[in-house]
N, C-alpha and C. Protein backbone atom coordinates (compact mmCIF):
# COMPACT_ATOMS: atom_id res chain seq x y z
N GLN A 1 70.18 38.95 38.60
CA GLN A 1 70.34 40.19 39.40
C GLN A 1 71.63 40.74 39.38
N ASP A 2 72.29 41.91 39.05
CA ASP A 2 74.00 42.22 38.53
C ASP A 2 74.32 42.92 40.22
N LYS A 3 76.06 42.10 41.22
CA LYS A 3 75.73 42.91 41.37
C LYS A 3 77.60 42.68 42.33
N VAL A 4 77.83 44.29 42.91
CA VAL A 4 78.93 44.15 43.01
C VAL A 4 79.23 44.46 44.65
N SER A 5 80.03 43.97 44.87
CA SER A 5 81.93 44.08 46.34
C SER A 5 81.81 45.91 46.33
N VAL A 6 81.81 45.87 47.36
CA VAL A 6 82.55 47.37 47.75
C VAL A 6 82.93 47.30 49.35
N SER A 7 83.30 48.33 49.52
CA SER A 7 83.92 48.70 50.76
C SER A 7 83.16 49.57 51.16
N THR A 8 82.82 48.87 52.32
CA THR A 8 81.42 50.28 53.62
C THR A 8 82.43 50.49 54.88
N LEU A 9 81.40 51.47 54.90
CA LEU A 9 81.22 51.63 56.78
C LEU A 9 80.13 51.53 56.90
N GLU A 10 79.65 50.01 57.74
CA GLU A 10 78.54 50.17 58.31
C GLU A 10 78.92 49.79 60.29
N TYR A 11 77.68 50.55 60.81
CA TYR A 11 77.61 50.49 62.40
C TYR A 11 76.91 49.54 62.53
N LYS A 12 78.26 48.86 63.82
CA LYS A 12 76.92 47.85 64.60
C LYS A 12 77.83 48.46 66.66
N ASN A 13 76.97 48.74 66.10
CA ASN A 13 76.25 49.38 68.31
C ASN A 13 76.59 50.14 68.58
N ASN A 14 76.44 51.37 67.44
CA ASN A 14 77.10 52.41 67.30
C ASN A 14 78.06 52.35 66.91
N VAL A 15 79.36 51.69 65.92
CA VAL A 15 81.14 51.49 66.55
C VAL A 15 81.09 51.16 64.88
N ALA A 16 81.84 52.35 64.78
CA ALA A 16 81.44 51.54 62.67
C ALA A 16 82.91 51.15 62.59
N GLN A 17 82.37 50.38 61.47
CA GLN A 17 83.55 49.40 60.99
C GLN A 17 83.84 49.61 59.65
N ARG A 18 84.59 48.91 58.70
CA ARG A 18 84.71 48.81 57.54
C ARG A 18 84.24 47.51 56.99
N GLU A 19 83.69 46.85 55.86
CA GLU A 19 83.16 45.70 55.68
C GLU A 19 82.78 45.88 54.34
N THR A 20 83.52 44.81 53.48
CA THR A 20 82.59 44.75 52.08
C THR A 20 81.67 44.00 51.63
N ALA A 21 80.63 44.67 51.28
CA ALA A 21 79.26 44.39 51.13
C ALA A 21 79.33 43.90 50.03
N ASP A 22 77.84 43.24 49.15
CA ASP A 22 77.42 43.09 47.69
C ASP A 22 76.31 43.77 47.37
N PHE A 23 75.97 44.87 46.77
CA PHE A 23 75.35 45.41 46.20
C PHE A 23 74.73 45.46 44.84
N ARG A 24 73.02 45.25 45.30
CA ARG A 24 73.01 45.46 43.20
C ARG A 24 73.32 46.38 42.51
N SER A 25 73.58 46.12 41.21
CA SER A 25 74.68 46.80 39.99
C SER A 25 73.05 46.61 38.89
N TYR A 26 73.15 47.93 38.80
CA TYR A 26 72.15 48.34 37.69
C TYR A 26 72.41 48.70 36.69
N HIS A 27 71.21 48.43 35.46
CA HIS A 27 72.27 49.40 34.32
C HIS A 27 71.75 50.74 33.55
N SER A 28 71.11 51.42 34.92
CA SER A 28 70.38 53.00 34.23
C SER A 28 69.57 53.46 36.05
N PHE A 29 70.08 53.77 36.02
CA PHE A 29 68.72 54.96 37.37
C PHE A 29 67.91 54.23 37.11
N ALA A 30 67.23 54.48 36.51
CA ALA A 30 65.26 53.71 36.10
C ALA A 30 65.49 52.51 37.13
N GLU A 31 65.80 52.31 36.49
CA GLU A 31 66.34 50.31 37.31
C GLU A 31 66.12 50.62 38.55
N SER A 32 67.56 51.31 39.36
CA SER A 32 67.83 51.04 40.52
C SER A 32 66.80 51.78 41.20
N PHE A 33 65.64 52.76 40.65
CA PHE A 33 64.53 53.52 41.20
C PHE A 33 63.80 52.37 41.44
N VAL A 34 63.22 51.72 40.49
CA VAL A 34 62.24 50.79 40.18
C VAL A 34 61.95 50.19 41.11
N ASP A 35 63.50 48.67 41.67
CA ASP A 35 63.64 48.06 42.29
C ASP A 35 63.20 48.68 43.61
N TYR A 36 64.02 50.02 44.33
CA TYR A 36 64.11 50.51 45.16
C TYR A 36 62.70 50.38 45.87
N ALA A 37 61.50 51.23 44.69
CA ALA A 37 60.43 51.71 45.23
C ALA A 37 59.93 49.93 45.35
N ASN A 38 60.23 49.00 44.28
CA ASN A 38 60.05 48.12 44.45
C ASN A 38 60.13 47.05 45.95
N LEU A 39 61.08 47.67 46.76
CA LEU A 39 62.07 46.94 47.93
C LEU A 39 60.44 47.14 49.03
N LEU A 40 60.58 48.79 49.27
CA LEU A 40 59.37 49.15 50.04
C LEU A 40 58.62 49.24 50.56
N GLN A 41 57.62 48.55 48.57
CA GLN A 41 56.62 48.09 48.31
C GLN A 41 56.12 46.47 49.12
N SER A 42 57.22 45.87 49.63
CA SER A 42 57.05 44.22 49.44
C SER A 42 57.78 43.99 50.65
N LYS A 43 58.16 44.50 51.26
CA LYS A 43 58.76 44.47 53.43
C LYS A 43 57.52 44.98 54.13
N PRO A 44 57.41 44.16 54.94
CA PRO A 44 56.10 44.96 55.86
C PRO A 44 56.52 46.17 57.12
N ARG A 45 58.10 45.29 57.32
CA ARG A 45 58.77 46.59 58.84
C ARG A 45 59.47 47.84 57.53
N TYR A 46 58.84 48.58 55.93
CA TYR A 46 58.82 50.00 55.56
C TYR A 46 57.02 50.38 55.62
N GLN A 47 56.46 49.75 56.01
CA GLN A 47 54.99 50.27 55.20
C GLN A 47 55.19 51.90 56.26
N GLN A 48 55.38 51.72 57.62
CA GLN A 48 55.65 52.58 57.80
C GLN A 48 56.23 54.46 57.41
N VAL A 49 57.52 53.66 56.57
CA VAL A 49 58.26 54.92 55.97
C VAL A 49 57.25 55.02 54.91
N LEU A 50 56.29 53.88 53.49
CA LEU A 50 55.63 54.56 52.86
C LEU A 50 55.00 55.78 52.83
N GLN A 51 53.91 55.08 54.86
CA GLN A 51 53.09 56.50 54.63
C GLN A 51 53.44 57.84 54.97
N ASN A 52 54.65 57.90 55.49
CA ASN A 52 54.70 59.45 54.95
C ASN A 52 55.41 59.80 53.92
N ALA A 53 55.50 59.33 52.85
CA ALA A 53 55.78 59.98 51.06
C ALA A 53 55.69 60.86 51.14
N GLN A 54 55.49 61.58 50.94
CA GLN A 54 54.96 63.58 51.20
C GLN A 54 56.20 63.71 52.13
N ASN A 55 56.27 63.56 53.29
CA ASN A 55 57.03 64.36 53.96
C ASN A 55 58.48 63.34 53.89
N PRO A 56 59.27 64.40 52.98
CA PRO A 56 60.76 63.72 53.08
C PRO A 56 61.68 64.28 53.96
N GLN A 57 61.66 64.82 55.31
CA GLN A 57 62.47 64.18 56.36
C GLN A 57 62.02 63.35 57.26
N GLN A 58 60.88 62.81 57.00
CA GLN A 58 60.03 61.63 58.28
C GLN A 58 60.02 60.59 57.58
N PHE A 59 60.17 60.93 55.94
CA PHE A 59 60.21 59.20 55.43
C PHE A 59 61.47 59.06 55.65
N THR A 60 62.63 59.70 55.83
CA THR A 60 64.15 59.05 55.93
C THR A 60 64.21 59.13 57.57
N HIS A 61 63.66 59.59 57.68
CA HIS A 61 64.38 58.84 59.68
C HIS A 61 63.16 57.26 59.91
N GLU A 62 62.06 57.68 59.17
CA GLU A 62 61.35 56.31 58.97
C GLU A 62 61.95 54.95 58.43
N LEU A 63 62.97 55.66 57.32
CA LEU A 63 63.94 54.79 56.58
C LEU A 63 64.67 54.00 57.11
N GLN A 64 64.86 54.91 58.64
CA GLN A 64 66.14 54.74 59.50
C GLN A 64 66.04 53.82 60.30
N ARG A 65 64.84 54.18 60.93
CA ARG A 65 64.15 53.69 62.45
C ARG A 65 63.54 52.00 62.11
N ALA A 66 63.27 51.59 60.44
CA ALA A 66 62.73 49.87 60.09
C ALA A 66 64.14 49.28 59.51
N GLY A 67 65.46 50.26 59.91
CA GLY A 67 66.97 49.43 59.60
C GLY A 67 67.36 49.25 58.36
N TYR A 68 67.12 50.77 57.46
CA TYR A 68 66.75 50.88 55.71
C TYR A 68 69.24 50.97 55.79
N ALA A 69 69.71 51.56 56.24
CA ALA A 69 71.05 52.21 56.81
C ALA A 69 71.81 52.01 58.60
N THR A 70 72.49 51.16 59.06
CA THR A 70 73.35 50.90 59.95
C THR A 70 73.12 52.45 60.84
N ASP A 71 73.81 53.19 59.31
CA ASP A 71 74.70 54.65 61.02
C ASP A 71 73.29 55.09 61.04
N PRO A 72 74.18 55.42 62.52
CA PRO A 72 73.35 55.96 63.82
C PRO A 72 72.07 57.52 62.83
N HIS A 73 73.53 57.41 62.43
CA HIS A 73 73.06 59.56 61.66
C HIS A 73 72.51 59.82 60.60
N TYR A 74 72.23 58.59 59.76
CA TYR A 74 71.49 58.34 58.16
C TYR A 74 70.46 59.55 57.81
N ALA A 75 69.43 59.93 58.79
CA ALA A 75 68.41 60.70 58.59
C ALA A 75 68.97 61.64 58.52
N ASN A 76 69.08 61.68 59.25
CA ASN A 76 69.71 63.35 59.71
C ASN A 76 70.61 64.20 58.78
N LYS A 77 71.47 62.82 57.77
CA LYS A 77 72.88 63.12 57.00
C LYS A 77 71.83 63.65 55.93
N ILE A 78 70.53 62.75 55.49
CA ILE A 78 70.73 62.69 54.34
C ILE A 78 69.46 64.02 53.85
N ASN A 79 68.53 64.52 55.53
CA ASN A 79 68.59 65.91 55.25
C ASN A 79 68.74 66.46 54.91
N ALA A 80 70.20 66.74 55.66
CA ALA A 80 71.40 67.74 55.37
C ALA A 80 71.05 68.14 54.43
N ILE A 81 71.86 67.54 53.44
CA ILE A 81 71.69 67.18 52.34
C ILE A 81 70.37 68.26 51.07
N MET A 82 69.41 67.03 50.94
CA MET A 82 68.42 68.38 50.80
C MET A 82 67.78 68.94 51.19
N LYS A 83 68.33 70.01 52.53
CA LYS A 83 68.61 71.42 52.71
C LYS A 83 69.37 71.96 52.21
N ASP A 84 70.13 71.79 51.19
CA ASP A 84 71.65 72.34 51.11
C ASP A 84 70.96 73.45 49.68
N GLU A 85 71.10 73.90 50.31
CA GLU A 85 70.82 74.79 48.33
C GLU A 85 71.63 74.74 47.01
N VAL A 86 72.72 73.32 47.17
CA VAL A 86 72.83 73.78 46.02
C VAL A 86 71.73 72.34 45.23
N PHE A 87 72.20 71.28 46.14
CA PHE A 87 71.22 70.21 45.75
C PHE A 87 69.21 70.81 45.55
N LYS A 88 69.24 71.79 45.80
CA LYS A 88 67.42 72.11 45.53
C LYS A 88 67.39 72.77 44.54
N ASN A 89 68.92 73.64 43.92
CA ASN A 89 68.81 74.94 42.81
C ASN A 89 68.71 73.38 41.47
N ILE A 90 69.47 71.98 42.22
CA ILE A 90 69.46 71.12 40.99
C ILE A 90 68.47 70.07 41.00
N PHE A 91 68.25 69.46 42.01
CA PHE A 91 66.83 69.27 41.92
C PHE A 91 65.25 69.35 40.57
N HIS A 92 65.93 70.95 41.69
CA HIS A 92 63.96 71.32 41.43
C HIS A 92 64.58 72.15 39.09
N SER A 93 65.54 72.99 39.84
CA SER A 93 65.76 72.67 37.59
C SER A 93 65.49 71.47 36.50
N ASN A 94 65.66 70.37 37.57
CA ASN A 94 65.97 69.54 36.81
C ASN A 94 65.04 68.30 36.52
N THR A 95 64.12 68.90 38.51
CA THR A 95 62.56 67.62 37.81
C THR A 95 61.53 68.04 37.67
N LEU A 96 61.88 70.19 37.50
CA LEU A 96 60.66 70.81 36.83
C LEU A 96 60.82 70.60 35.25
N SER A 97 62.14 70.30 34.98
CA SER A 97 62.29 70.68 33.14
C SER A 97 62.23 70.13 32.44
N SER A 98 61.29 68.30 33.39
CA SER A 98 60.97 66.98 33.32
C SER A 98 61.03 65.96 33.70
N ARG A 99 59.17 65.82 33.04
CA ARG A 99 57.80 64.62 33.48
C ARG A 99 58.18 63.20 34.26
N ASN A 100 60.11 62.89 34.22
CA ASN A 100 60.04 62.01 34.47
C ASN A 100 61.26 62.31 35.59
N GLY A 101 61.56 62.91 35.52
CA GLY A 101 62.46 64.12 36.54
C GLY A 101 63.84 63.99 35.34
N PRO A 102 64.80 65.05 36.52
CA PRO A 102 66.79 64.00 35.87
C PRO A 102 67.58 63.44 36.07
N PHE A 103 67.16 62.69 36.14
CA PHE A 103 67.68 60.65 36.14
C PHE A 103 66.93 59.59 35.69
N LEU A 104 65.94 59.51 34.80
CA LEU A 104 65.29 58.14 35.20
C LEU A 104 65.54 57.53 33.28
N ASN A 105 66.11 58.48 32.40
CA ASN A 105 66.62 58.91 31.13
C ASN A 105 68.56 58.56 31.21
N SER A 106 68.19 58.67 32.55
CA SER A 106 70.01 57.64 32.29
C SER A 106 70.79 57.01 31.66
N LYS A 107 71.83 57.13 31.73
CA LYS A 107 72.86 55.69 31.00
C LYS A 107 72.93 55.42 31.70
N SER A 108 74.05 55.89 33.13
CA SER A 108 74.87 55.55 33.68
C SER A 108 74.46 54.34 34.40
N SER A 109 75.04 54.50 35.38
CA SER A 109 74.79 52.96 36.18
C SER A 109 74.57 53.23 37.71
N ALA A 110 73.61 52.63 38.77
CA ALA A 110 74.00 53.24 40.20
C ALA A 110 73.74 51.06 40.75
N SER A 111 73.61 51.57 42.32
CA SER A 111 73.53 49.54 42.70
C SER A 111 73.02 50.76 43.52
N SER A 112 72.14 49.47 44.61
CA SER A 112 71.78 49.50 46.29
C SER A 112 72.31 48.11 47.12
N ARG A 113 72.13 48.05 47.88
CA ARG A 113 72.74 47.15 48.62
C ARG A 113 71.90 46.26 48.55
N ILE A 114 72.42 45.01 49.09
CA ILE A 114 71.40 43.59 48.67
C ILE A 114 71.69 43.25 49.82
């Protein structure tokens, strides 16, 4: 698996600190989405997350509770983005126009934390 090291803001004991971390690197968004789904399905700590797949707000809270992100406000930040009108317009106009969604055929690169 390819990887990239980048500076990231991580929280330890609710204190933000910069560190360099390794992230997986992908050749496409589709490849990163498949790996993300495999991660959630293969780790027992994410089972409660998957049980909330139909409820995006609860999904993000369960993801945070399972330890996916160190930011104590991770779920609230993601949920705020999902409520934003710009996000809603882009998401709905692109995903409804394509059976596979807006990013699955993209040639752009993506990354995910190792």
